[in-house]
């Protein structure tokens, strides 16, 4: 195509009249623009929805994956109910009053499988002292014995006392030489579920209130070892009875061991309770005096230190006297003081 021909063709196109049409070009352009915007919005909305779906899915998956690592909810702690044993181990039983009236600084603890008795007085004469508090705790299912059946003051009609440890109590007033009921009485209550206890108050004004306060503050730690200032055959044989007295700068102990659950041969230690005699033989590290009492029972006396006297009593099994003697003498040979008997705080 030459230049004149091209110029002629361009001139014809420029001067050609457009063909007629029913379509409004402006409306078509507007419609196209609206459709394009709607499509963009749909795309953006779909993308946002996809992002949200992926986000929630990831969180749910993470929670499901870590659910095994989340510790379970901790329950609200509940105060445990004390369950008393059906029989006490005297080697692991302590009756300790949390409060006593002032002046009752002499005390005695007597422990055995059936129960334990704690007596506090104003002097060392436990049998003769007028002012006295006696606490008794019984093993589960066993009753409280008469505290002093041989010298019992006259009882009066029993009546209800205040609730202690969630259980009803009984107050038993008594007459004394003063002739006034408020000076003496006994409070019966439960120290644990199914286990009875008693607080007996003598020669104390407001005896009922005193007994209630003692009962409310009483502690019974039957799972804790009972401290002693010596060791020997324990824990090789069971302790069946333990008496400890302290007050006025002096202390004494009586401990009875039996080799096999209530039968002999056995041995009894009495620290600062028995007498003494000139030594006649050597047992282990100790010079010992030995005397034959009766029925195959022997008494031994020795002093492990300058402040302690020990009497050992052999408890023979019927028909086996020699076994009882051998057992007692082995216990003496193994005897060792681990604390100062005059200072209960040194016992362990």
C-alpha atoms as a PDB file:
ATOM      1  CA  UNK A   1       0.000   0.000   0.000  1.00  0.00           C
ATOM      2  CA  UNK A   2       1.411   3.383  -1.097  1.00  0.00           C
ATOM      3  CA  UNK A   3       1.139   6.640   0.751  1.00  0.00           C
ATOM      4  CA  UNK A   4      -1.759   8.131  -1.304  1.00  0.00           C
ATOM      5  CA  UNK A   5      -3.856   5.020  -0.823  1.00  0.00           C
ATOM      6  CA  UNK A   6      -3.253   5.070   2.958  1.00  0.00           C
ATOM      7  CA  UNK A   7      -4.222   8.698   3.270  1.00  0.00           C
ATOM      8  CA  UNK A   8      -7.455   8.002   1.384  1.00  0.00           C
ATOM      9  CA  UNK A   9      -8.384   5.084   3.670  1.00  0.00           C
ATOM     10  CA  UNK A  10      -7.805   7.094   6.839  1.00  0.00           C
ATOM     11  CA  UNK A  11      -9.906   9.929   5.486  1.00  0.00           C
ATOM     12  CA  UNK A  12     -12.806   7.555   4.726  1.00  0.00           C
ATOM     13  CA  UNK A  13     -12.713   6.095   8.295  1.00  0.00           C
ATOM     14  CA  UNK A  14     -12.655   9.509   9.892  1.00  0.00           C
ATOM     15  CA  UNK A  15     -15.632  10.739   7.896  1.00  0.00           C
ATOM     16  CA  UNK A  16     -17.700   7.496   8.182  1.00  0.00           C
ATOM     17  CA  UNK A  17     -20.991   7.826  10.161  1.00  0.00           C
ATOM     18  CA  UNK A  18     -21.365   5.398  13.145  1.00  0.00           C
ATOM     19  CA  UNK A  19     -23.939   2.616  12.943  1.00  0.00           C
ATOM     20  CA  UNK A  20     -27.108   3.008  14.953  1.00  0.00           C
ATOM     21  CA  UNK A  21     -27.497   0.869  18.211  1.00  0.00           C
ATOM     22  CA  UNK A  22     -30.054   0.651  21.070  1.00  0.00           C
ATOM     23  CA  UNK A  23     -27.353   0.163  23.769  1.00  0.00           C
ATOM     24  CA  UNK A  24     -26.554   3.181  25.928  1.00  0.00           C
ATOM     25  CA  UNK A  25     -22.787   3.186  26.169  1.00  0.00           C
ATOM     26  CA  UNK A  26     -22.803   5.218  29.395  1.00  0.00           C
ATOM     27  CA  UNK A  27     -25.229   2.797  31.068  1.00  0.00           C
ATOM     28  CA  UNK A  28     -23.191  -0.176  29.926  1.00  0.00           C
ATOM     29  CA  UNK A  29     -20.038   1.361  31.312  1.00  0.00           C
ATOM     30  CA  UNK A  30     -21.755   2.078  34.638  1.00  0.00           C
ATOM     31  CA  UNK A  31     -23.105  -1.500  34.854  1.00  0.00           C
ATOM     32  CA  UNK A  32     -19.722  -2.957  34.150  1.00  0.00           C
ATOM     33  CA  UNK A  33     -18.138  -0.769  36.775  1.00  0.00           C
ATOM     34  CA  UNK A  34     -20.782  -1.831  39.427  1.00  0.00           C
ATOM     35  CA  UNK A  35     -20.279  -5.542  38.638  1.00  0.00           C
ATOM     36  CA  UNK A  36     -16.526  -5.146  38.919  1.00  0.00           C
ATOM     37  CA  UNK A  37     -16.848  -3.498  42.390  1.00  0.00           C
ATOM     38  CA  UNK A  38     -19.305  -6.165  43.623  1.00  0.00           C
ATOM     39  CA  UNK A  39     -16.938  -8.891  42.501  1.00  0.00           C
ATOM     40  CA  UNK A  40     -14.094  -7.200  44.379  1.00  0.00           C
ATOM     41  CA  UNK A  41     -16.246  -6.944  47.538  1.00  0.00           C
ATOM     42  CA  UNK A  42     -17.178 -10.631  47.335  1.00  0.00           C
ATOM     43  CA  UNK A  43     -13.569 -11.578  46.931  1.00  0.00           C
ATOM     44  CA  UNK A  44     -12.535  -9.456  49.915  1.00  0.00           C
ATOM     45  CA  UNK A  45     -15.404 -10.817  52.080  1.00  0.00           C
ATOM     46  CA  UNK A  46     -14.511 -14.386  51.174  1.00  0.00           C
ATOM     47  CA  UNK A  47     -10.877 -13.773  51.998  1.00  0.00           C
ATOM     48  CA  UNK A  48     -11.822 -12.262  55.381  1.00  0.00           C
ATOM     49  CA  UNK A  49     -14.121 -15.195  56.159  1.00  0.00           C
ATOM     50  CA  UNK A  50     -11.360 -17.620  55.247  1.00  0.00           C
ATOM     51  CA  UNK A  51      -8.943 -15.833  57.554  1.00  0.00           C
ATOM     52  CA  UNK A  52     -11.462 -15.966  60.447  1.00  0.00           C
ATOM     53  CA  UNK A  53     -12.161 -19.632  59.809  1.00  0.00           C
ATOM     54  CA  UNK A  54      -8.472 -20.480  59.808  1.00  0.00           C
ATOM     55  CA  UNK A  55      -7.919 -18.442  62.999  1.00  0.00           C
ATOM     56  CA  UNK A  56     -10.755 -20.083  64.985  1.00  0.00           C
ATOM     57  CA  UNK A  57      -9.764 -23.483  63.692  1.00  0.00           C
ATOM     58  CA  UNK A  58      -6.187 -22.999  64.875  1.00  0.00           C
ATOM     59  CA  UNK A  59      -7.344 -21.897  68.362  1.00  0.00           C
ATOM     60  CA  UNK A  60      -9.718 -24.859  68.673  1.00  0.00           C
ATOM     61  CA  UNK A  61      -6.997 -27.258  67.578  1.00  0.00           C
ATOM     62  CA  UNK A  62      -4.548 -25.776  70.085  1.00  0.00           C
ATOM     63  CA  UNK A  63      -7.065 -26.112  72.933  1.00  0.00           C
ATOM     64  CA  UNK A  64      -7.834 -29.689  71.999  1.00  0.00           C
ATOM     65  CA  UNK A  65      -4.140 -30.528  71.770  1.00  0.00           C
ATOM     66  CA  UNK A  66      -3.255 -28.971  75.170  1.00  0.00           C
ATOM     67  CA  UNK A  67      -6.317 -30.174  77.094  1.00  0.00           C
ATOM     68  CA  UNK A  68      -4.348 -33.060  78.565  1.00  0.00           C
ATOM     69  CA  UNK A  69      -1.793 -30.617  79.927  1.00  0.00           C
ATOM     70  CA  UNK A  70      -4.274 -28.473  81.826  1.00  0.00           C
ATOM     71  CA  UNK A  71      -4.294 -29.525  85.536  1.00  0.00           C
ATOM     72  CA  UNK A  72      -7.684 -30.537  86.922  1.00  0.00           C
ATOM     73  CA  UNK A  73      -9.518 -28.046  89.083  1.00  0.00           C
ATOM     74  CA  UNK A  74      -8.335 -28.165  92.716  1.00  0.00           C
ATOM     75  CA  UNK A  75     -11.229 -29.056  95.054  1.00  0.00           C
ATOM     76  CA  UNK A  76     -11.994 -26.804  97.968  1.00  0.00           C
ATOM     77  CA  UNK A  77     -10.132 -28.234 101.008  1.00  0.00           C
ATOM     78  CA  UNK A  78     -12.354 -29.796 103.650  1.00  0.00           C
ATOM     79  CA  UNK A  79     -11.320 -30.266 107.268  1.00  0.00           C
ATOM     80  CA  UNK A  80     -10.597 -33.971 107.779  1.00  0.00           C
ATOM     81  CA  UNK A  81     -12.637 -35.911 110.290  1.00  0.00           C
ATOM     82  CA  UNK A  82     -10.546 -37.423 113.085  1.00  0.00           C
ATOM     83  CA  UNK A  83     -10.907 -41.204 113.127  1.00  0.00           C
ATOM     84  CA  UNK A  84      -9.941 -42.656 116.494  1.00  0.00           C
ATOM     85  CA  UNK A  85      -8.236 -46.071 116.573  1.00  0.00           C
ATOM     86  CA  UNK A  86      -9.894 -49.092 118.190  1.00  0.00           C
ATOM     87  CA  UNK A  87      -6.766 -49.510 120.344  1.00  0.00           C
ATOM     88  CA  UNK A  88      -3.947 -47.133 121.178  1.00  0.00           C
ATOM     89  CA  UNK A  89      -0.243 -47.776 120.829  1.00  0.00           C
ATOM     90  CA  UNK A  90       1.186 -46.264 124.038  1.00  0.00           C
ATOM     91  CA  UNK A  91       4.444 -45.601 122.202  1.00  0.00           C
ATOM     92  CA  UNK A  92       2.604 -43.308 119.776  1.00  0.00           C
ATOM     93  CA  UNK A  93      -0.050 -41.527 121.822  1.00  0.00           C
ATOM     94  CA  UNK A  94      -0.023 -38.096 123.413  1.00  0.00           C
ATOM     95  CA  UNK A  95      -2.813 -36.370 125.322  1.00  0.00           C
ATOM     96  CA  UNK A  96      -1.933 -32.734 125.633  1.00  0.00           C
ATOM     97  CA  UNK A  97      -4.250 -30.099 127.085  1.00  0.00           C
ATOM     98  CA  UNK A  98      -4.080 -26.843 125.196  1.00  0.00           C
ATOM     99  CA  UNK A  99      -5.134 -24.927 128.295  1.00  0.00           C
ATOM    100  CA  UNK A 100      -5.237 -25.545 132.061  1.00  0.00           C
ATOM    101  CA  UNK A 101      -5.958 -23.255 135.009  1.00  0.00           C
ATOM    102  CA  UNK A 102      -2.897 -21.519 136.427  1.00  0.00           C
ATOM    103  CA  UNK A 103      -0.965 -23.408 139.088  1.00  0.00           C
ATOM    104  CA  UNK A 104      -1.579 -26.957 137.816  1.00  0.00           C
ATOM    105  CA  UNK A 105       2.078 -27.512 136.942  1.00  0.00           C
ATOM    106  CA  UNK A 106       2.459 -31.103 138.161  1.00  0.00           C
ATOM    107  CA  UNK A 107       1.261 -33.657 135.631  1.00  0.00           C
ATOM    108  CA  UNK A 108       1.006 -37.379 135.033  1.00  0.00           C
ATOM    109  CA  UNK A 109       0.209 -39.269 131.830  1.00  0.00           C
ATOM    110  CA  UNK A 110      -0.932 -42.905 131.948  1.00  0.00           C
ATOM    111  CA  UNK A 111      -1.240 -44.602 128.559  1.00  0.00           C
ATOM    112  CA  UNK A 112      -2.434 -48.084 127.624  1.00  0.00           C
ATOM    113  CA  UNK A 113      -4.219 -49.682 124.637  1.00  0.00           C
ATOM    114  CA  UNK A 114      -7.719 -48.873 125.944  1.00  0.00           C
ATOM    115  CA  UNK A 115      -7.076 -45.181 126.546  1.00  0.00           C
ATOM    116  CA  UNK A 116      -4.991 -42.479 128.146  1.00  0.00           C
ATOM    117  CA  UNK A 117      -5.367 -40.430 131.316  1.00  0.00           C
ATOM    118  CA  UNK A 118      -3.806 -37.024 131.921  1.00  0.00           C
ATOM    119  CA  UNK A 119      -3.840 -35.675 135.490  1.00  0.00           C
ATOM    120  CA  UNK A 120      -2.714 -32.190 136.508  1.00  0.00           C
ATOM    121  CA  UNK A 121      -2.434 -30.977 140.112  1.00  0.00           C
ATOM    122  CA  UNK A 122      -0.921 -28.154 142.111  1.00  0.00           C
ATOM    123  CA  UNK A 123       1.523 -30.455 143.904  1.00  0.00           C
ATOM    124  CA  UNK A 124       3.252 -33.784 143.510  1.00  0.00           C
ATOM    125  CA  UNK A 125       0.756 -35.648 145.687  1.00  0.00           C
ATOM    126  CA  UNK A 126      -1.589 -36.802 142.934  1.00  0.00           C
ATOM    127  CA  UNK A 127      -3.735 -38.813 145.312  1.00  0.00           C
ATOM    128  CA  UNK A 128      -4.010 -36.155 148.020  1.00  0.00           C
ATOM    129  CA  UNK A 129      -4.076 -32.896 146.073  1.00  0.00           C
ATOM    130  CA  UNK A 130      -7.447 -31.137 146.376  1.00  0.00           C
ATOM    131  CA  UNK A 131      -7.336 -29.055 143.177  1.00  0.00           C
ATOM    132  CA  UNK A 132      -7.089 -31.402 140.247  1.00  0.00           C
ATOM    133  CA  UNK A 133      -7.980 -31.828 136.571  1.00  0.00           C
ATOM    134  CA  UNK A 134      -8.189 -35.319 135.099  1.00  0.00           C
ATOM    135  CA  UNK A 135      -8.616 -35.896 131.362  1.00  0.00           C
ATOM    136  CA  UNK A 136      -9.369 -39.306 129.916  1.00  0.00           C
ATOM    137  CA  UNK A 137      -9.614 -40.242 126.217  1.00  0.00           C
ATOM    138  CA  UNK A 138     -10.837 -43.681 125.182  1.00  0.00           C
ATOM    139  CA  UNK A 139     -10.170 -45.655 122.032  1.00  0.00           C
ATOM    140  CA  UNK A 140     -13.013 -45.893 119.521  1.00  0.00           C
ATOM    141  CA  UNK A 141     -15.916 -47.999 120.743  1.00  0.00           C
ATOM    142  CA  UNK A 142     -14.717 -48.086 124.363  1.00  0.00           C
ATOM    143  CA  UNK A 143     -16.306 -46.147 127.193  1.00  0.00           C
ATOM    144  CA  UNK A 144     -14.766 -43.840 129.754  1.00  0.00           C
ATOM    145  CA  UNK A 145     -14.144 -45.674 133.061  1.00  0.00           C
ATOM    146  CA  UNK A 146     -14.889 -44.243 136.488  1.00  0.00           C
ATOM    147  CA  UNK A 147     -11.938 -41.984 137.070  1.00  0.00           C
ATOM    148  CA  UNK A 148     -11.684 -42.644 140.798  1.00  0.00           C
ATOM    149  CA  UNK A 149     -14.161 -45.383 141.728  1.00  0.00           C
ATOM    150  CA  UNK A 150     -12.604 -45.959 145.164  1.00  0.00           C
ATOM    151  CA  UNK A 151     -13.027 -42.359 146.307  1.00  0.00           C
ATOM    152  CA  UNK A 152     -15.876 -40.932 144.265  1.00  0.00           C
ATOM    153  CA  UNK A 153     -17.567 -37.711 145.399  1.00  0.00           C
ATOM    154  CA  UNK A 154     -21.351 -37.805 145.371  1.00  0.00           C
ATOM    155  CA  UNK A 155     -22.823 -37.384 141.920  1.00  0.00           C
ATOM    156  CA  UNK A 156     -25.787 -35.193 141.157  1.00  0.00           C
ATOM    157  CA  UNK A 157     -28.251 -35.346 138.290  1.00  0.00           C
ATOM    158  CA  UNK A 158     -26.540 -35.091 134.929  1.00  0.00           C
ATOM    159  CA  UNK A 159     -27.554 -32.399 132.475  1.00  0.00           C
ATOM    160  CA  UNK A 160     -26.648 -31.270 128.965  1.00  0.00           C
ATOM    161  CA  UNK A 161     -23.499 -29.309 128.299  1.00  0.00           C
ATOM    162  CA  UNK A 162     -22.527 -27.194 125.293  1.00  0.00           C
ATOM    163  CA  UNK A 163     -21.810 -28.763 121.914  1.00  0.00           C
ATOM    164  CA  UNK A 164     -18.137 -29.716 121.455  1.00  0.00           C
ATOM    165  CA  UNK A 165     -16.596 -31.096 118.249  1.00  0.00           C
ATOM    166  CA  UNK A 166     -20.041 -31.072 116.682  1.00  0.00           C
ATOM    167  CA  UNK A 167     -21.546 -33.421 119.287  1.00  0.00           C
ATOM    168  CA  UNK A 168     -23.671 -33.067 122.404  1.00  0.00           C
ATOM    169  CA  UNK A 169     -22.039 -33.280 125.834  1.00  0.00           C
ATOM    170  CA  UNK A 170     -23.098 -34.245 129.335  1.00  0.00           C
ATOM    171  CA  UNK A 171     -22.235 -32.347 132.495  1.00  0.00           C
ATOM    172  CA  UNK A 172     -22.274 -34.255 135.803  1.00  0.00           C
ATOM    173  CA  UNK A 173     -22.001 -31.902 138.808  1.00  0.00           C
ATOM    174  CA  UNK A 174     -20.697 -33.278 142.106  1.00  0.00           C
ATOM    175  CA  UNK A 175     -20.599 -32.232 145.695  1.00  0.00           C
ATOM    176  CA  UNK A 176     -17.301 -31.805 147.483  1.00  0.00           C
ATOM    177  CA  UNK A 177     -16.393 -31.024 151.063  1.00  0.00           C
ATOM    178  CA  UNK A 178     -17.373 -27.434 150.316  1.00  0.00           C
ATOM    179  CA  UNK A 179     -20.924 -28.558 149.607  1.00  0.00           C
ATOM    180  CA  UNK A 180     -21.187 -26.356 146.497  1.00  0.00           C
ATOM    181  CA  UNK A 181     -21.847 -28.027 143.163  1.00  0.00           C
ATOM    182  CA  UNK A 182     -19.988 -25.466 141.082  1.00  0.00           C
ATOM    183  CA  UNK A 183     -16.669 -26.534 142.623  1.00  0.00           C
ATOM    184  CA  UNK A 184     -16.522 -29.995 140.997  1.00  0.00           C
ATOM    185  CA  UNK A 185     -17.938 -31.988 138.123  1.00  0.00           C
ATOM    186  CA  UNK A 186     -17.260 -34.139 135.079  1.00  0.00           C
ATOM    187  CA  UNK A 187     -17.844 -33.298 131.410  1.00  0.00           C
ATOM    188  CA  UNK A 188     -18.413 -36.240 129.049  1.00  0.00           C
ATOM    189  CA  UNK A 189     -17.908 -35.525 125.332  1.00  0.00           C
ATOM    190  CA  UNK A 190     -16.577 -37.014 122.089  1.00  0.00           C
ATOM    191  CA  UNK A 191     -12.991 -36.231 121.152  1.00  0.00           C
ATOM    192  CA  UNK A 192     -13.442 -37.996 117.779  1.00  0.00           C
ATOM    193  CA  UNK A 193     -16.142 -39.872 115.902  1.00  0.00           C
ATOM    194  CA  UNK A 194     -17.256 -42.801 118.048  1.00  0.00           C
ATOM    195  CA  UNK A 195     -14.634 -42.081 120.728  1.00  0.00           C
ATOM    196  CA  UNK A 196     -15.500 -40.775 124.187  1.00  0.00           C
ATOM    197  CA  UNK A 197     -13.551 -38.510 126.501  1.00  0.00           C
ATOM    198  CA  UNK A 198     -13.976 -36.966 129.926  1.00  0.00           C
ATOM    199  CA  UNK A 199     -12.737 -33.902 131.801  1.00  0.00           C
ATOM    200  CA  UNK A 200     -13.040 -34.127 135.593  1.00  0.00           C
ATOM    201  CA  UNK A 201     -12.479 -30.892 137.538  1.00  0.00           C
ATOM    202  CA  UNK A 202     -12.046 -30.782 141.323  1.00  0.00           C
ATOM    203  CA  UNK A 203     -11.941 -27.948 143.811  1.00  0.00           C
ATOM    204  CA  UNK A 204     -12.146 -25.245 141.148  1.00  0.00           C
ATOM    205  CA  UNK A 205     -14.667 -22.440 141.070  1.00  0.00           C
ATOM    206  CA  UNK A 206     -16.734 -22.424 137.885  1.00  0.00           C
ATOM    207  CA  UNK A 207     -15.818 -26.070 137.274  1.00  0.00           C
ATOM    208  CA  UNK A 208     -18.187 -26.478 134.322  1.00  0.00           C
ATOM    209  CA  UNK A 209     -16.773 -23.520 132.421  1.00  0.00           C
ATOM    210  CA  UNK A 210     -13.233 -24.719 133.152  1.00  0.00           C
ATOM    211  CA  UNK A 211     -14.050 -28.246 131.921  1.00  0.00           C
ATOM    212  CA  UNK A 212     -15.601 -26.902 128.711  1.00  0.00           C
ATOM    213  CA  UNK A 213     -12.571 -24.771 127.934  1.00  0.00           C
ATOM    214  CA  UNK A 214     -10.206 -27.693 128.550  1.00  0.00           C
ATOM    215  CA  UNK A 215     -12.284 -29.991 126.324  1.00  0.00           C
ATOM    216  CA  UNK A 216     -12.404 -27.451 123.500  1.00  0.00           C
ATOM    217  CA  UNK A 217      -8.611 -27.035 123.514  1.00  0.00           C
ATOM    218  CA  UNK A 218      -7.695 -30.712 123.992  1.00  0.00           C
ATOM    219  CA  UNK A 219      -5.206 -32.242 121.552  1.00  0.00           C
ATOM    220  CA  UNK A 220      -4.835 -35.989 120.980  1.00  0.00           C
ATOM    221  CA  UNK A 221      -1.919 -36.859 118.689  1.00  0.00           C
ATOM    222  CA  UNK A 222      -2.139 -40.634 118.609  1.00  0.00           C
ATOM    223  CA  UNK A 223       0.104 -40.877 115.546  1.00  0.00           C
ATOM    224  CA  UNK A 224       3.107 -39.109 117.083  1.00  0.00           C
ATOM    225  CA  UNK A 225       5.769 -40.987 119.057  1.00  0.00           C
ATOM    226  CA  UNK A 226       5.688 -40.433 122.798  1.00  0.00           C
ATOM    227  CA  UNK A 227       9.015 -38.858 123.826  1.00  0.00           C
ATOM    228  CA  UNK A 228      11.136 -40.661 126.422  1.00  0.00           C
ATOM    229  CA  UNK A 229      14.579 -39.937 127.931  1.00  0.00           C
ATOM    230  CA  UNK A 230      15.861 -43.502 127.416  1.00  0.00           C
ATOM    231  CA  UNK A 231      15.956 -46.370 124.947  1.00  0.00           C
ATOM    232  CA  UNK A 232      16.472 -50.089 125.299  1.00  0.00           C
ATOM    233  CA  UNK A 233      14.389 -52.929 123.899  1.00  0.00           C
ATOM    234  CA  UNK A 234      11.980 -50.580 122.129  1.00  0.00           C
ATOM    235  CA  UNK A 235      10.900 -50.850 119.354  1.00  0.00           C
ATOM    236  CA  UNK A 236      11.871 -54.534 119.311  1.00  0.00           C
ATOM    237  CA  UNK A 237       8.926 -55.371 121.573  1.00  0.00           C
ATOM    238  CA  UNK A 238       5.612 -53.551 122.000  1.00  0.00           C
ATOM    239  CA  UNK A 239       5.086 -51.046 124.775  1.00  0.00           C
ATOM    240  CA  UNK A 240       1.889 -52.015 126.599  1.00  0.00           C
ATOM    241  CA  UNK A 241       1.736 -49.402 129.331  1.00  0.00           C
ATOM    242  CA  UNK A 242       3.467 -46.094 129.971  1.00  0.00           C
ATOM    243  CA  UNK A 243       3.226 -43.809 133.021  1.00  0.00           C
ATOM    244  CA  UNK A 244       5.078 -40.495 133.081  1.00  0.00           C
ATOM    245  CA  UNK A 245       5.035 -37.995 135.955  1.00  0.00           C
ATOM    246  CA  UNK A 246       6.675 -34.592 136.044  1.00  0.00           C
ATOM    247  CA  UNK A 247       6.627 -31.534 138.264  1.00  0.00           C
ATOM    248  CA  UNK A 248       8.628 -29.648 140.846  1.00  0.00           C
ATOM    249  CA  UNK A 249      11.923 -30.361 139.100  1.00  0.00           C
ATOM    250  CA  UNK A 250      11.524 -34.156 139.292  1.00  0.00           C
ATOM    251  CA  UNK A 251      10.202 -36.758 136.870  1.00  0.00           C
ATOM    252  CA  UNK A 252       9.538 -40.483 136.968  1.00  0.00           C
ATOM    253  CA  UNK A 253       8.647 -43.057 134.332  1.00  0.00           C
ATOM    254  CA  UNK A 254       7.164 -46.529 134.382  1.00  0.00           C
ATOM    255  CA  UNK A 255       7.235 -48.383 131.065  1.00  0.00           C
ATOM    256  CA  UNK A 256       6.090 -51.979 130.551  1.00  0.00           C
ATOM    257  CA  UNK A 257       7.064 -53.996 127.471  1.00  0.00           C
ATOM    258  CA  UNK A 258       5.783 -57.429 126.549  1.00  0.00           C
ATOM    259  CA  UNK A 259       7.526 -59.479 123.907  1.00  0.00           C
ATOM    260  CA  UNK A 260       4.533 -60.799 121.979  1.00  0.00           C
ATOM    261  CA  UNK A 261       1.263 -58.847 121.916  1.00  0.00           C
ATOM    262  CA  UNK A 262       0.218 -59.076 125.545  1.00  0.00           C
ATOM    263  CA  UNK A 263       2.134 -62.166 126.647  1.00  0.00           C
ATOM    264  CA  UNK A 264       5.559 -62.651 128.190  1.00  0.00           C
ATOM    265  CA  UNK A 265       8.322 -62.711 128.642  1.00  0.00           C
ATOM    266  CA  UNK A 266       8.320 -59.019 129.399  1.00  0.00           C
ATOM    267  CA  UNK A 267      10.193 -56.316 131.207  1.00  0.00           C
ATOM    268  CA  UNK A 268       9.218 -53.201 133.135  1.00  0.00           C
ATOM    269  CA  UNK A 269      11.373 -50.117 133.577  1.00  0.00           C
ATOM    270  CA  UNK A 270      10.875 -47.784 136.524  1.00  0.00           C
ATOM    271  CA  UNK A 271      12.965 -44.631 136.402  1.00  0.00           C
ATOM    272  CA  UNK A 272      13.218 -42.746 139.704  1.00  0.00           C
ATOM    273  CA  UNK A 273      10.335 -44.797 141.124  1.00  0.00           C
ATOM    274  CA  UNK A 274      12.002 -47.822 142.696  1.00  0.00           C
ATOM    275  CA  UNK A 275      14.578 -48.215 145.432  1.00  0.00           C
ATOM    276  CA  UNK A 276      18.226 -49.134 145.206  1.00  0.00           C
ATOM    277  CA  UNK A 277      20.624 -51.736 146.582  1.00  0.00           C
ATOM    278  CA  UNK A 278      24.373 -52.410 146.561  1.00  0.00           C
ATOM    279  CA  UNK A 279      25.534 -53.913 143.245  1.00  0.00           C
ATOM    280  CA  UNK A 280      26.082 -57.654 143.136  1.00  0.00           C
ATOM    281  CA  UNK A 281      26.796 -58.271 139.426  1.00  0.00           C
ATOM    282  CA  UNK A 282      27.777 -56.579 136.178  1.00  0.00           C
ATOM    283  CA  UNK A 283      25.350 -56.442 133.247  1.00  0.00           C
ATOM    284  CA  UNK A 284      26.678 -54.662 130.195  1.00  0.00           C
ATOM    285  CA  UNK A 285      28.175 -51.333 131.300  1.00  0.00           C
ATOM    286  CA  UNK A 286      26.245 -51.199 134.605  1.00  0.00           C
ATOM    287  CA  UNK A 287      26.893 -52.549 138.115  1.00  0.00           C
ATOM    288  CA  UNK A 288      23.533 -54.113 139.024  1.00  0.00           C
ATOM    289  CA  UNK A 289      21.842 -55.393 142.174  1.00  0.00           C
ATOM    290  CA  UNK A 290      19.611 -58.442 141.545  1.00  0.00           C
ATOM    291  CA  UNK A 291      16.994 -59.834 143.911  1.00  0.00           C
ATOM    292  CA  UNK A 292      14.523 -62.698 143.561  1.00  0.00           C
ATOM    293  CA  UNK A 293      10.973 -61.655 144.490  1.00  0.00           C
ATOM    294  CA  UNK A 294       8.601 -64.578 143.861  1.00  0.00           C
ATOM    295  CA  UNK A 295       7.148 -66.687 141.089  1.00  0.00           C
ATOM    296  CA  UNK A 296      10.220 -66.246 138.935  1.00  0.00           C
ATOM    297  CA  UNK A 297      10.049 -62.442 139.101  1.00  0.00           C
ATOM    298  CA  UNK A 298      13.344 -60.613 139.620  1.00  0.00           C
ATOM    299  CA  UNK A 299      14.119 -56.983 140.420  1.00  0.00           C
ATOM    300  CA  UNK A 300      17.287 -55.280 139.189  1.00  0.00           C
ATOM    301  CA  UNK A 301      18.633 -51.914 140.386  1.00  0.00           C
ATOM    302  CA  UNK A 302      21.261 -49.762 138.694  1.00  0.00           C
ATOM    303  CA  UNK A 303      22.148 -46.095 138.089  1.00  0.00           C
ATOM    304  CA  UNK A 304      22.894 -45.109 134.475  1.00  0.00           C
ATOM    305  CA  UNK A 305      23.997 -41.650 135.648  1.00  0.00           C
ATOM    306  CA  UNK A 306      24.241 -39.634 138.833  1.00  0.00           C
ATOM    307  CA  UNK A 307      20.668 -38.285 138.574  1.00  0.00           C
ATOM    308  CA  UNK A 308      18.704 -41.400 137.560  1.00  0.00           C
ATOM    309  CA  UNK A 309      17.842 -44.602 139.391  1.00  0.00           C
ATOM    310  CA  UNK A 310      16.405 -47.498 137.417  1.00  0.00           C
ATOM    311  CA  UNK A 311      14.549 -50.560 138.633  1.00  0.00           C
ATOM    312  CA  UNK A 312      13.940 -53.299 136.077  1.00  0.00           C
ATOM    313  CA  UNK A 313      11.289 -55.924 136.773  1.00  0.00           C
ATOM    314  CA  UNK A 314      11.292 -59.211 134.855  1.00  0.00           C
ATOM    315  CA  UNK A 315       7.831 -60.330 133.700  1.00  0.00           C
ATOM    316  CA  UNK A 316       8.150 -64.103 133.262  1.00  0.00           C
ATOM    317  CA  UNK A 317       5.839 -66.156 131.116  1.00  0.00           C
ATOM    318  CA  UNK A 318       4.328 -69.082 133.067  1.00  0.00           C
ATOM    319  CA  UNK A 319       6.696 -72.042 132.888  1.00  0.00           C
ATOM    320  CA  UNK A 320       9.465 -69.962 131.295  1.00  0.00           C
ATOM    321  CA  UNK A 321      11.227 -68.190 134.164  1.00  0.00           C
ATOM    322  CA  UNK A 322      14.647 -68.324 132.527  1.00  0.00           C
ATOM    323  CA  UNK A 323      13.303 -66.635 129.384  1.00  0.00           C
ATOM    324  CA  UNK A 324      12.028 -63.728 131.482  1.00  0.00           C
ATOM    325  CA  UNK A 325      15.388 -63.363 133.253  1.00  0.00           C
ATOM    326  CA  UNK A 326      17.332 -63.474 129.984  1.00  0.00           C
ATOM    327  CA  UNK A 327      15.021 -60.902 128.448  1.00  0.00           C
ATOM    328  CA  UNK A 328      15.331 -58.487 131.399  1.00  0.00           C
ATOM    329  CA  UNK A 329      19.112 -58.741 131.529  1.00  0.00           C
ATOM    330  CA  UNK A 330      19.423 -58.167 127.783  1.00  0.00           C
ATOM    331  CA  UNK A 331      17.235 -55.066 128.181  1.00  0.00           C
ATOM    332  CA  UNK A 332      19.555 -53.766 130.931  1.00  0.00           C
ATOM    333  CA  UNK A 333      22.633 -54.347 128.778  1.00  0.00           C
ATOM    334  CA  UNK A 334      21.046 -52.328 125.936  1.00  0.00           C
ATOM    335  CA  UNK A 335      19.763 -49.541 128.216  1.00  0.00           C
ATOM    336  CA  UNK A 336      20.881 -46.000 127.346  1.00  0.00           C
ATOM    337  CA  UNK A 337      19.784 -42.574 128.564  1.00  0.00           C
ATOM    338  CA  UNK A 338      19.057 -40.162 125.682  1.00  0.00           C
ATOM    339  CA  UNK A 339      17.821 -37.156 127.694  1.00  0.00           C
ATOM    340  CA  UNK A 340      17.715 -35.606 131.133  1.00  0.00           C
ATOM    341  CA  UNK A 341      14.850 -37.167 133.092  1.00  0.00           C
ATOM    342  CA  UNK A 342      14.504 -33.941 135.100  1.00  0.00           C
ATOM    343  CA  UNK A 343      13.865 -31.956 131.901  1.00  0.00           C
ATOM    344  CA  UNK A 344      11.009 -33.310 129.732  1.00  0.00           C
ATOM    345  CA  UNK A 345      11.923 -30.860 126.952  1.00  0.00           C
ATOM    346  CA  UNK A 346      15.078 -32.945 126.378  1.00  0.00           C
ATOM    347  CA  UNK A 347      13.126 -36.156 125.770  1.00  0.00           C
ATOM    348  CA  UNK A 348      12.899 -37.485 122.220  1.00  0.00           C
END
